[in-house]
Amino acid sequence: MFSNDFADAHHLDQHSITTSEKTLKNPSGQSVSIKHAVLSSLKIGKYQLKNVAAGYVTVELKMQHKSYFAADVMKRFNWIFDAKREKVYVKPSKYFNDPYLQL
């Protein structure tokens, strides 16, 4: 799930193929549209993933402030974080080439 800022800055609505869209209502009754899409590529460090499922919120009310990797992307790498959490080291895991989950 990508943050509103990231989705806007990288024009995800124009650079991805939307596979589904759901409209939900928040507690104030405002509509929140969540798009599920396929990114042609996603680069993590020096590694590149192809046709990655992604989600992002399209709404005037900017409420998604953080980006999150889903378990499907996380399992493809072995992750090591330094003690100060300033750097992360990644290395492909045995699941790197597994088929992607479909949203």
PDB file of N, CA and C in Angstrom:
ATOM      1  N   MET A   1       0.860  -1.167   0.000  1.00  0.00           N
ATOM      2  CA  MET A   1       0.000   0.000   0.000  1.00  0.00           C
ATOM      3  C   MET A   1       0.905   1.227   0.000  1.00  0.00           C
ATOM      4  N   PHE A   2       0.716   2.080  -0.980  1.00  0.00           N
ATOM      5  CA  PHE A   2       1.534   3.278  -1.096  1.00  0.00           C
ATOM      6  C   PHE A   2       0.844   4.474  -0.453  1.00  0.00           C
ATOM      7  N   SER A   3       1.651   5.367   0.110  1.00  0.00           N
ATOM      8  CA  SER A   3       1.123   6.580   0.722  1.00  0.00           C
ATOM      9  C   SER A   3       0.552   7.493  -0.360  1.00  0.00           C
ATOM     10  N   ASN A   4      -0.310   8.406   0.048  1.00  0.00           N
ATOM     11  CA  ASN A   4      -0.884   9.376  -0.892  1.00  0.00           C
ATOM     12  C   ASN A   4       0.204  10.192  -1.568  1.00  0.00           C
ATOM     13  N   ASP A   5       1.189  10.643  -0.791  1.00  0.00           N
ATOM     14  CA  ASP A   5       2.267  11.462  -1.351  1.00  0.00           C
ATOM     15  C   ASP A   5       3.046  10.697  -2.418  1.00  0.00           C
ATOM     16  N   PHE A   6       3.370   9.444  -2.138  1.00  0.00           N
ATOM     17  CA  PHE A   6       4.129   8.641  -3.096  1.00  0.00           C
ATOM     18  C   PHE A   6       3.297   8.379  -4.349  1.00  0.00           C
ATOM     19  N   ALA A   7       2.039   8.008  -4.167  1.00  0.00           N
ATOM     20  CA  ALA A   7       1.160   7.726  -5.312  1.00  0.00           C
ATOM     21  C   ALA A   7       0.994   8.959  -6.192  1.00  0.00           C
ATOM     22  N   ASP A   8       0.838  10.133  -5.569  1.00  0.00           N
ATOM     23  CA  ASP A   8       0.696  11.376  -6.340  1.00  0.00           C
ATOM     24  C   ASP A   8       1.998  11.752  -7.040  1.00  0.00           C
ATOM     25  N   ALA A   9       3.116  11.680  -6.324  1.00  0.00           N
ATOM     26  CA  ALA A   9       4.408  12.095  -6.882  1.00  0.00           C
ATOM     27  C   ALA A   9       4.847  11.219  -8.047  1.00  0.00           C
ATOM     28  N   HIS A  10       4.478   9.943  -7.999  1.00  0.00           N
ATOM     29  CA  HIS A  10       4.905   9.005  -9.039  1.00  0.00           C
ATOM     30  C   HIS A  10       3.781   8.662 -10.020  1.00  0.00           C
ATOM     31  N   HIS A  11       2.659   9.365  -9.922  1.00  0.00           N
ATOM     32  CA  HIS A  11       1.533   9.205 -10.852  1.00  0.00           C
ATOM     33  C   HIS A  11       1.150   7.734 -11.039  1.00  0.00           C
ATOM     34  N   LEU A  12       0.942   7.046  -9.919  1.00  0.00           N
ATOM     35  CA  LEU A  12       0.619   5.624  -9.995  1.00  0.00           C
ATOM     36  C   LEU A  12      -0.636   5.358 -10.805  1.00  0.00           C
ATOM     37  N   ASP A  13      -1.581   6.284 -10.771  1.00  0.00           N
ATOM     38  CA  ASP A  13      -2.812   6.083 -11.542  1.00  0.00           C
ATOM     39  C   ASP A  13      -2.526   6.047 -13.042  1.00  0.00           C
ATOM     40  N   GLN A  14      -1.434   6.667 -13.492  1.00  0.00           N
ATOM     41  CA  GLN A  14      -1.075   6.681 -14.908  1.00  0.00           C
ATOM     42  C   GLN A  14      -0.053   5.609 -15.267  1.00  0.00           C
ATOM     43  N   HIS A  15       0.741   5.148 -14.302  1.00  0.00           N
ATOM     44  CA  HIS A  15       1.836   4.218 -14.577  1.00  0.00           C
ATOM     45  C   HIS A  15       1.563   2.808 -14.076  1.00  0.00           C
ATOM     46  N   SER A  16       0.325   2.475 -13.850  1.00  0.00           N
ATOM     47  CA  SER A  16      -0.015   1.130 -13.406  1.00  0.00           C
ATOM     48  C   SER A  16      -1.301   0.688 -14.095  1.00  0.00           C
ATOM     49  N   ILE A  17      -1.534  -0.602 -14.085  1.00  0.00           N
ATOM     50  CA  ILE A  17      -2.750  -1.166 -14.662  1.00  0.00           C
ATOM     51  C   ILE A  17      -3.695  -1.501 -13.512  1.00  0.00           C
ATOM     52  N   THR A  18      -4.813  -0.795 -13.443  1.00  0.00           N
ATOM     53  CA  THR A  18      -5.778  -1.016 -12.364  1.00  0.00           C
ATOM     54  C   THR A  18      -6.504  -2.343 -12.586  1.00  0.00           C
ATOM     55  N   THR A  19      -6.484  -3.195 -11.566  1.00  0.00           N
ATOM     56  CA  THR A  19      -7.158  -4.493 -11.654  1.00  0.00           C
ATOM     57  C   THR A  19      -8.498  -4.494 -10.933  1.00  0.00           C
ATOM     58  N   SER A  20      -8.636  -3.648  -9.925  1.00  0.00           N
ATOM     59  CA  SER A  20      -9.927  -3.522  -9.239  1.00  0.00           C
ATOM     60  C   SER A  20      -9.934  -2.231  -8.437  1.00  0.00           C
ATOM     61  N   GLU A  21     -11.136  -1.817  -8.071  1.00  0.00           N
ATOM     62  CA  GLU A  21     -11.301  -0.597  -7.285  1.00  0.00           C
ATOM     63  C   GLU A  21     -12.477  -0.790  -6.348  1.00  0.00           C
ATOM     64  N   LYS A  22     -12.290  -0.394  -5.112  1.00  0.00           N
ATOM     65  CA  LYS A  22     -13.353  -0.479  -4.112  1.00  0.00           C
ATOM     66  C   LYS A  22     -13.566   0.898  -3.517  1.00  0.00           C
ATOM     67  N   THR A  23     -14.810   1.262  -3.317  1.00  0.00           N
ATOM     68  CA  THR A  23     -15.132   2.528  -2.674  1.00  0.00           C
ATOM     69  C   THR A  23     -15.735   2.222  -1.314  1.00  0.00           C
ATOM     70  N   LEU A  24     -15.116   2.784  -0.297  1.00  0.00           N
ATOM     71  CA  LEU A  24     -15.562   2.600   1.078  1.00  0.00           C
ATOM     72  C   LEU A  24     -15.961   3.954   1.647  1.00  0.00           C
ATOM     73  N   LYS A  25     -16.680   3.942   2.747  1.00  0.00           N
ATOM     74  CA  LYS A  25     -17.055   5.179   3.444  1.00  0.00           C
ATOM     75  C   LYS A  25     -16.302   5.243   4.759  1.00  0.00           C
ATOM     76  N   ASN A  26     -15.707   6.401   5.038  1.00  0.00           N
ATOM     77  CA  ASN A  26     -15.039   6.565   6.327  1.00  0.00           C
ATOM     78  C   ASN A  26     -16.092   6.952   7.370  1.00  0.00           C
ATOM     79  N   PRO A  27     -15.721   7.066   8.644  1.00  0.00           N
ATOM     80  CA  PRO A  27     -16.706   7.389   9.691  1.00  0.00           C
ATOM     81  C   PRO A  27     -17.450   8.706   9.467  1.00  0.00           C
ATOM     82  N   SER A  28     -16.869   9.627   8.692  1.00  0.00           N
ATOM     83  CA  SER A  28     -17.524  10.905   8.414  1.00  0.00           C
ATOM     84  C   SER A  28     -18.460  10.836   7.219  1.00  0.00           C
ATOM     85  N   GLY A  29     -18.555   9.661   6.603  1.00  0.00           N
ATOM     86  CA  GLY A  29     -19.424   9.502   5.446  1.00  0.00           C
ATOM     87  C   GLY A  29     -18.778   9.876   4.121  1.00  0.00           C
ATOM     88  N   GLN A  30     -17.485  10.193   4.135  1.00  0.00           N
ATOM     89  CA  GLN A  30     -16.786  10.537   2.902  1.00  0.00           C
ATOM     90  C   GLN A  30     -16.364   9.255   2.181  1.00  0.00           C
ATOM     91  N   SER A  31     -16.401   9.283   0.862  1.00  0.00           N
ATOM     92  CA  SER A  31     -15.998   8.131   0.070  1.00  0.00           C
ATOM     93  C   SER A  31     -14.478   8.047  -0.026  1.00  0.00           C
ATOM     94  N   VAL A  32     -13.969   6.846   0.127  1.00  0.00           N
ATOM     95  CA  VAL A  32     -12.548   6.568   0.010  1.00  0.00           C
ATOM     96  C   VAL A  32     -12.404   5.473  -1.037  1.00  0.00           C
ATOM     97  N   SER A  33     -11.671   5.758  -2.092  1.00  0.00           N
ATOM     98  CA  SER A  33     -11.487   4.806  -3.174  1.00  0.00           C
ATOM     99  C   SER A  33     -10.122   4.145  -3.055  1.00  0.00           C
ATOM    100  N   ILE A  34     -10.121   2.819  -3.000  1.00  0.00           N
ATOM    101  CA  ILE A  34      -8.884   2.053  -2.918  1.00  0.00           C
ATOM    102  C   ILE A  34      -8.700   1.314  -4.236  1.00  0.00           C
ATOM    103  N   LYS A  35      -7.595   1.589  -4.907  1.00  0.00           N
ATOM    104  CA  LYS A  35      -7.306   0.936  -6.180  1.00  0.00           C
ATOM    105  C   LYS A  35      -6.268  -0.151  -5.978  1.00  0.00           C
ATOM    106  N   HIS A  36      -6.512  -1.274  -6.626  1.00  0.00           N
ATOM    107  CA  HIS A  36      -5.538  -2.358  -6.681  1.00  0.00           C
ATOM    108  C   HIS A  36      -5.016  -2.360  -8.100  1.00  0.00           C
ATOM    109  N   ALA A  37      -3.700  -2.417  -8.237  1.00  0.00           N
ATOM    110  CA  ALA A  37      -3.080  -2.286  -9.554  1.00  0.00           C
ATOM    111  C   ALA A  37      -1.894  -3.228  -9.676  1.00  0.00           C
ATOM    112  N   VAL A  38      -1.365  -3.297 -10.890  1.00  0.00           N
ATOM    113  CA  VAL A  38      -0.152  -4.050 -11.154  1.00  0.00           C
ATOM    114  C   VAL A  38       0.903  -3.067 -11.644  1.00  0.00           C
ATOM    115  N   LEU A  39       2.028  -3.013 -10.930  1.00  0.00           N
ATOM    116  CA  LEU A  39       3.150  -2.177 -11.344  1.00  0.00           C
ATOM    117  C   LEU A  39       4.027  -3.001 -12.282  1.00  0.00           C
ATOM    118  N   SER A  40       4.447  -2.407 -13.376  1.00  0.00           N
ATOM    119  CA  SER A  40       5.282  -3.157 -14.320  1.00  0.00           C
ATOM    120  C   SER A  40       6.611  -3.558 -13.689  1.00  0.00           C
ATOM    121  N   SER A  41       7.137  -2.735 -12.785  1.00  0.00           N
ATOM    122  CA  SER A  41       8.364  -3.104 -12.077  1.00  0.00           C
ATOM    123  C   SER A  41       8.448  -2.348 -10.754  1.00  0.00           C
ATOM    124  N   LEU A  42       9.167  -2.928  -9.830  1.00  0.00           N
ATOM    125  CA  LEU A  42       9.428  -2.322  -8.526  1.00  0.00           C
ATOM    126  C   LEU A  42      10.880  -2.636  -8.193  1.00  0.00           C
ATOM    127  N   LYS A  43      11.671  -1.603  -7.950  1.00  0.00           N
ATOM    128  CA  LYS A  43      13.085  -1.788  -7.665  1.00  0.00           C
ATOM    129  C   LYS A  43      13.323  -1.639  -6.171  1.00  0.00           C
ATOM    130  N   ILE A  44      13.958  -2.638  -5.593  1.00  0.00           N
ATOM    131  CA  ILE A  44      14.339  -2.620  -4.188  1.00  0.00           C
ATOM    132  C   ILE A  44      15.843  -2.859  -4.159  1.00  0.00           C
ATOM    133  N   GLY A  45      16.577  -1.815  -3.811  1.00  0.00           N
ATOM    134  CA  GLY A  45      18.033  -1.906  -3.875  1.00  0.00           C
ATOM    135  C   GLY A  45      18.455  -2.129  -5.312  1.00  0.00           C
ATOM    136  N   LYS A  46      19.268  -3.121  -5.554  1.00  0.00           N
ATOM    137  CA  LYS A  46      19.695  -3.429  -6.923  1.00  0.00           C
ATOM    138  C   LYS A  46      18.826  -4.500  -7.575  1.00  0.00           C
ATOM    139  N   TYR A  47      17.770  -4.917  -6.907  1.00  0.00           N
ATOM    140  CA  TYR A  47      16.902  -5.981  -7.412  1.00  0.00           C
ATOM    141  C   TYR A  47      15.621  -5.385  -7.987  1.00  0.00           C
ATOM    142  N   GLN A  48      15.157  -5.986  -9.050  1.00  0.00           N
ATOM    143  CA  GLN A  48      13.952  -5.485  -9.699  1.00  0.00           C
ATOM    144  C   GLN A  48      12.909  -6.599  -9.771  1.00  0.00           C
ATOM    145  N   LEU A  49      11.707  -6.286  -9.319  1.00  0.00           N
ATOM    146  CA  LEU A  49      10.579  -7.208  -9.380  1.00  0.00           C
ATOM    147  C   LEU A  49       9.676  -6.766 -10.523  1.00  0.00           C
ATOM    148  N   LYS A  50       9.098  -7.705 -11.235  1.00  0.00           N
ATOM    149  CA  LYS A  50       8.233  -7.400 -12.376  1.00  0.00           C
ATOM    150  C   LYS A  50       6.779  -7.736 -12.040  1.00  0.00           C
ATOM    151  N   ASN A  51       5.859  -6.928 -12.553  1.00  0.00           N
ATOM    152  CA  ASN A  51       4.410  -7.153 -12.427  1.00  0.00           C
ATOM    153  C   ASN A  51       3.982  -7.388 -10.982  1.00  0.00           C
ATOM    154  N   VAL A  52       4.256  -6.403 -10.147  1.00  0.00           N
ATOM    155  CA  VAL A  52       3.991  -6.478  -8.712  1.00  0.00           C
ATOM    156  C   VAL A  52       2.614  -5.899  -8.393  1.00  0.00           C
ATOM    157  N   ALA A  53       1.832  -6.628  -7.602  1.00  0.00           N
ATOM    158  CA  ALA A  53       0.531  -6.135  -7.154  1.00  0.00           C
ATOM    159  C   ALA A  53       0.748  -5.009  -6.146  1.00  0.00           C
ATOM    160  N   ALA A  54      -0.043  -3.952  -6.260  1.00  0.00           N
ATOM    161  CA  ALA A  54       0.087  -2.796  -5.364  1.00  0.00           C
ATOM    162  C   ALA A  54      -1.284  -2.197  -5.101  1.00  0.00           C
ATOM    163  N   GLY A  55      -1.398  -1.463  -4.031  1.00  0.00           N
ATOM    164  CA  GLY A  55      -2.632  -0.765  -3.705  1.00  0.00           C
ATOM    165  C   GLY A  55      -2.333   0.669  -3.325  1.00  0.00           C
ATOM    166  N   TYR A  56      -3.300   1.540  -3.594  1.00  0.00           N
ATOM    167  CA  TYR A  56      -3.165   2.934  -3.186  1.00  0.00           C
ATOM    168  C   TYR A  56      -4.545   3.557  -3.070  1.00  0.00           C
ATOM    169  N   VAL A  57      -4.619   4.618  -2.281  1.00  0.00           N
ATOM    170  CA  VAL A  57      -5.878   5.307  -2.010  1.00  0.00           C
ATOM    171  C   VAL A  57      -5.960   6.543  -2.891  1.00  0.00           C
ATOM    172  N   THR A  58      -7.097   6.716  -3.551  1.00  0.00           N
ATOM    173  CA  THR A  58      -7.324   7.921  -4.350  1.00  0.00           C
ATOM    174  C   THR A  58      -8.505   8.664  -3.745  1.00  0.00           C
ATOM    175  N   VAL A  59      -8.195   9.771  -3.098  1.00  0.00           N
ATOM    176  CA  VAL A  59      -9.227  10.555  -2.436  1.00  0.00           C
ATOM    177  C   VAL A  59      -8.648  11.942  -2.151  1.00  0.00           C
ATOM    178  N   GLU A  60      -9.500  12.936  -2.123  1.00  0.00           N
ATOM    179  CA  GLU A  60      -9.039  14.297  -1.816  1.00  0.00           C
ATOM    180  C   GLU A  60      -8.506  14.388  -0.386  1.00  0.00           C
ATOM    181  N   LEU A  61      -9.170  13.703   0.529  1.00  0.00           N
ATOM    182  CA  LEU A  61      -8.739  13.684   1.921  1.00  0.00           C
ATOM    183  C   LEU A  61      -7.497  12.800   2.023  1.00  0.00           C
ATOM    184  N   LYS A  62      -6.346  13.381   2.243  1.00  0.00           N
ATOM    185  CA  LYS A  62      -5.078  12.647   2.293  1.00  0.00           C
ATOM    186  C   LYS A  62      -4.928  11.988   3.652  1.00  0.00           C
ATOM    187  N   MET A  63      -5.202  10.688   3.701  1.00  0.00           N
ATOM    188  CA  MET A  63      -5.184   9.992   4.975  1.00  0.00           C
ATOM    189  C   MET A  63      -4.176   8.854   5.031  1.00  0.00           C
ATOM    190  N   GLN A  64      -3.626   8.454   3.906  1.00  0.00           N
ATOM    191  CA  GLN A  64      -2.630   7.381   3.879  1.00  0.00           C
ATOM    192  C   GLN A  64      -1.248   8.033   3.866  1.00  0.00           C
ATOM    193  N   HIS A  65      -0.609   8.125   5.032  1.00  0.00           N
ATOM    194  CA  HIS A  65       0.636   8.874   5.164  1.00  0.00           C
ATOM    195  C   HIS A  65       1.890   8.006   5.122  1.00  0.00           C
ATOM    196  N   LYS A  66       1.741   6.702   5.143  1.00  0.00           N
ATOM    197  CA  LYS A  66       2.896   5.811   5.124  1.00  0.00           C
ATOM    198  C   LYS A  66       2.705   4.776   4.023  1.00  0.00           C
ATOM    199  N   SER A  67       3.828   4.285   3.506  1.00  0.00           N
ATOM    200  CA  SER A  67       3.804   3.187   2.548  1.00  0.00           C
ATOM    201  C   SER A  67       4.155   1.897   3.287  1.00  0.00           C
ATOM    202  N   TYR A  68       3.553   0.807   2.878  1.00  0.00           N
ATOM    203  CA  TYR A  68       3.780  -0.477   3.526  1.00  0.00           C
ATOM    204  C   TYR A  68       4.074  -1.538   2.475  1.00  0.00           C
ATOM    205  N   PHE A  69       5.074  -2.378   2.743  1.00  0.00           N
ATOM    206  CA  PHE A  69       5.300  -3.546   1.909  1.00  0.00           C
ATOM    207  C   PHE A  69       4.413  -4.658   2.443  1.00  0.00           C
ATOM    208  N   ALA A  70       3.796  -5.369   1.556  1.00  0.00           N
ATOM    209  CA  ALA A  70       2.965  -6.498   1.958  1.00  0.00           C
ATOM    210  C   ALA A  70       3.827  -7.745   2.123  1.00  0.00           C
ATOM    211  N   ALA A  71       3.271  -8.742   2.741  1.00  0.00           N
ATOM    212  CA  ALA A  71       3.998  -9.981   2.993  1.00  0.00           C
ATOM    213  C   ALA A  71       4.508 -10.603   1.700  1.00  0.00           C
ATOM    214  N   ASP A  72       3.778 -10.434   0.607  1.00  0.00           N
ATOM    215  CA  ASP A  72       4.189 -11.033  -0.664  1.00  0.00           C
ATOM    216  C   ASP A  72       5.520 -10.464  -1.145  1.00  0.00           C
ATOM    217  N   VAL A  73       5.778  -9.185  -0.917  1.00  0.00           N
ATOM    218  CA  VAL A  73       7.067  -8.586  -1.287  1.00  0.00           C
ATOM    219  C   VAL A  73       8.105  -8.889  -0.200  1.00  0.00           C
ATOM    220  N   MET A  74       7.707  -8.817   1.049  1.00  0.00           N
ATOM    221  CA  MET A  74       8.646  -9.047   2.158  1.00  0.00           C
ATOM    222  C   MET A  74       9.272 -10.437   2.094  1.00  0.00           C
ATOM    223  N   LYS A  75       8.480 -11.461   1.763  1.00  0.00           N
ATOM    224  CA  LYS A  75       8.996 -12.831   1.782  1.00  0.00           C
ATOM    225  C   LYS A  75      10.034 -13.085   0.694  1.00  0.00           C
ATOM    226  N   ARG A  76      10.093 -12.252  -0.318  1.00  0.00           N
ATOM    227  CA  ARG A  76      11.019 -12.448  -1.436  1.00  0.00           C
ATOM    228  C   ARG A  76      12.461 -12.072  -1.089  1.00  0.00           C
ATOM    229  N   PHE A  77      12.659 -11.456   0.073  1.00  0.00           N
ATOM    230  CA  PHE A  77      13.988 -11.015   0.484  1.00  0.00           C
ATOM    231  C   PHE A  77      14.284 -11.432   1.919  1.00  0.00           C
ATOM    232  N   ASN A  78      15.566 -11.577   2.208  1.00  0.00           N
ATOM    233  CA  ASN A  78      16.046 -11.655   3.582  1.00  0.00           C
ATOM    234  C   ASN A  78      16.421 -10.224   3.942  1.00  0.00           C
ATOM    235  N   TRP A  79      15.891  -9.720   5.051  1.00  0.00           N
ATOM    236  CA  TRP A  79      16.059  -8.322   5.444  1.00  0.00           C
ATOM    237  C   TRP A  79      16.921  -8.231   6.687  1.00  0.00           C
ATOM    238  N   ILE A  80      17.921  -7.339   6.669  1.00  0.00           N
ATOM    239  CA  ILE A  80      18.728  -7.056   7.850  1.00  0.00           C
ATOM    240  C   ILE A  80      18.738  -5.540   8.035  1.00  0.00           C
ATOM    241  N   PHE A  81      18.295  -5.089   9.217  1.00  0.00           N
ATOM    242  CA  PHE A  81      18.260  -3.660   9.545  1.00  0.00           C
ATOM    243  C   PHE A  81      19.410  -3.361  10.494  1.00  0.00           C
ATOM    244  N   ASP A  82      20.104  -2.233  10.273  1.00  0.00           N
ATOM    245  CA  ASP A  82      21.175  -1.866  11.189  1.00  0.00           C
ATOM    246  C   ASP A  82      20.564  -1.421  12.522  1.00  0.00           C
ATOM    247  N   ALA A  83      21.402  -1.364  13.555  1.00  0.00           N
ATOM    248  CA  ALA A  83      20.920  -1.068  14.905  1.00  0.00           C
ATOM    249  C   ALA A  83      20.210   0.277  15.008  1.00  0.00           C
ATOM    250  N   LYS A  84      20.649   1.265  14.219  1.00  0.00           N
ATOM    251  CA  LYS A  84      20.029   2.588  14.267  1.00  0.00           C
ATOM    252  C   LYS A  84      18.849   2.711  13.304  1.00  0.00           C
ATOM    253  N   ARG A  85      18.559   1.651  12.591  1.00  0.00           N
ATOM    254  CA  ARG A  85      17.471   1.627  11.603  1.00  0.00           C
ATOM    255  C   ARG A  85      17.631   2.709  10.541  1.00  0.00           C
ATOM    256  N   GLU A  86      18.874   2.939  10.146  1.00  0.00           N
ATOM    257  CA  GLU A  86      19.156   3.911   9.094  1.00  0.00           C
ATOM    258  C   GLU A  86      19.426   3.238   7.757  1.00  0.00           C
ATOM    259  N   LYS A  87      19.815   1.969   7.802  1.00  0.00           N
ATOM    260  CA  LYS A  87      20.087   1.207   6.587  1.00  0.00           C
ATOM    261  C   LYS A  87      19.419  -0.146   6.675  1.00  0.00           C
ATOM    262  N   VAL A  88      19.085  -0.650   5.487  1.00  0.00           N
ATOM    263  CA  VAL A  88      18.559  -2.008   5.401  1.00  0.00           C
ATOM    264  C   VAL A  88      19.333  -2.727   4.308  1.00  0.00           C
ATOM    265  N   TYR A  89      19.659  -3.961   4.585  1.00  0.00           N
ATOM    266  CA  TYR A  89      20.367  -4.790   3.623  1.00  0.00           C
ATOM    267  C   TYR A  89      19.395  -5.873   3.158  1.00  0.00           C
ATOM    268  N   VAL A  90      19.318  -6.067   1.863  1.00  0.00           N
ATOM    269  CA  VAL A  90      18.397  -7.066   1.325  1.00  0.00           C
ATOM    270  C   VAL A  90      19.157  -8.039   0.442  1.00  0.00           C
ATOM    271  N   LYS A  91      18.679  -9.259   0.461  1.00  0.00           N
ATOM    272  CA  LYS A  91      19.232 -10.313  -0.373  1.00  0.00           C
ATOM    273  C   LYS A  91      18.061 -11.208  -0.764  1.00  0.00           C
ATOM    274  N   PRO A  92      17.963 -11.606  -2.034  1.00  0.00           N
ATOM    275  CA  PRO A  92      16.829 -12.455  -2.437  1.00  0.00           C
ATOM    276  C   PRO A  92      16.763 -13.729  -1.591  1.00  0.00           C
ATOM    277  N   SER A  93      15.551 -14.088  -1.222  1.00  0.00           N
ATOM    278  CA  SER A  93      15.327 -15.329  -0.486  1.00  0.00           C
ATOM    279  C   SER A  93      14.969 -16.433  -1.479  1.00  0.00           C
ATOM    280  N   LYS A  94      14.704 -17.608  -0.972  1.00  0.00           N
ATOM    281  CA  LYS A  94      14.332 -18.731  -1.841  1.00  0.00           C
ATOM    282  C   LYS A  94      12.973 -18.494  -2.510  1.00  0.00           C
ATOM    283  N   TYR A  95      12.208 -17.521  -2.038  1.00  0.00           N
ATOM    284  CA  TYR A  95      10.887 -17.221  -2.599  1.00  0.00           C
ATOM    285  C   TYR A  95      10.914 -16.106  -3.645  1.00  0.00           C
ATOM    286  N   PHE A  96      12.101 -15.607  -3.981  1.00  0.00           N
ATOM    287  CA  PHE A  96      12.233 -14.449  -4.862  1.00  0.00           C
ATOM    288  C   PHE A  96      11.467 -14.617  -6.184  1.00  0.00           C
ATOM    289  N   ASN A  97      11.509 -15.783  -6.779  1.00  0.00           N
ATOM    290  CA  ASN A  97      10.877 -16.004  -8.091  1.00  0.00           C
ATOM    291  C   ASN A  97       9.504 -16.662  -8.012  1.00  0.00           C
ATOM    292  N   ASP A  98       8.924 -16.765  -6.834  1.00  0.00           N
ATOM    293  CA  ASP A  98       7.575 -17.338  -6.700  1.00  0.00           C
ATOM    294  C   ASP A  98       6.553 -16.488  -7.439  1.00  0.00           C
ATOM    295  N   PRO A  99       5.453 -17.097  -7.891  1.00  0.00           N
ATOM    296  CA  PRO A  99       4.381 -16.299  -8.522  1.00  0.00           C
ATOM    297  C   PRO A  99       3.788 -15.313  -7.510  1.00  0.00           C
ATOM    298  N   TYR A 100       3.320 -14.169  -8.004  1.00  0.00           N
ATOM    299  CA  TYR A 100       2.740 -13.140  -7.147  1.00  0.00           C
ATOM    300  C   TYR A 100       1.307 -13.456  -6.789  1.00  0.00           C
ATOM    301  N   LEU A 101       0.909 -13.026  -5.590  1.00  0.00           N
ATOM    302  CA  LEU A 101      -0.501 -13.104  -5.194  1.00  0.00           C
ATOM    303  C   LEU A 101      -1.287 -12.109  -6.040  1.00  0.00           C
ATOM    304  N   GLN A 102      -2.481 -12.462  -6.406  1.00  0.00           N
ATOM    305  CA  GLN A 102      -3.332 -11.565  -7.192  1.00  0.00           C
ATOM    306  C   GLN A 102      -4.332 -10.888  -6.274  1.00  0.00           C
ATOM    307  N   LEU A 103      -4.496  -9.579  -6.441  1.00  0.00           N
ATOM    308  CA  LEU A 103      -5.448  -8.817  -5.622  1.00  0.00           C
ATOM    309  C   LEU A 103      -6.822  -8.873  -6.241  1.00  0.00           C
TER     310      LEU A 103
END
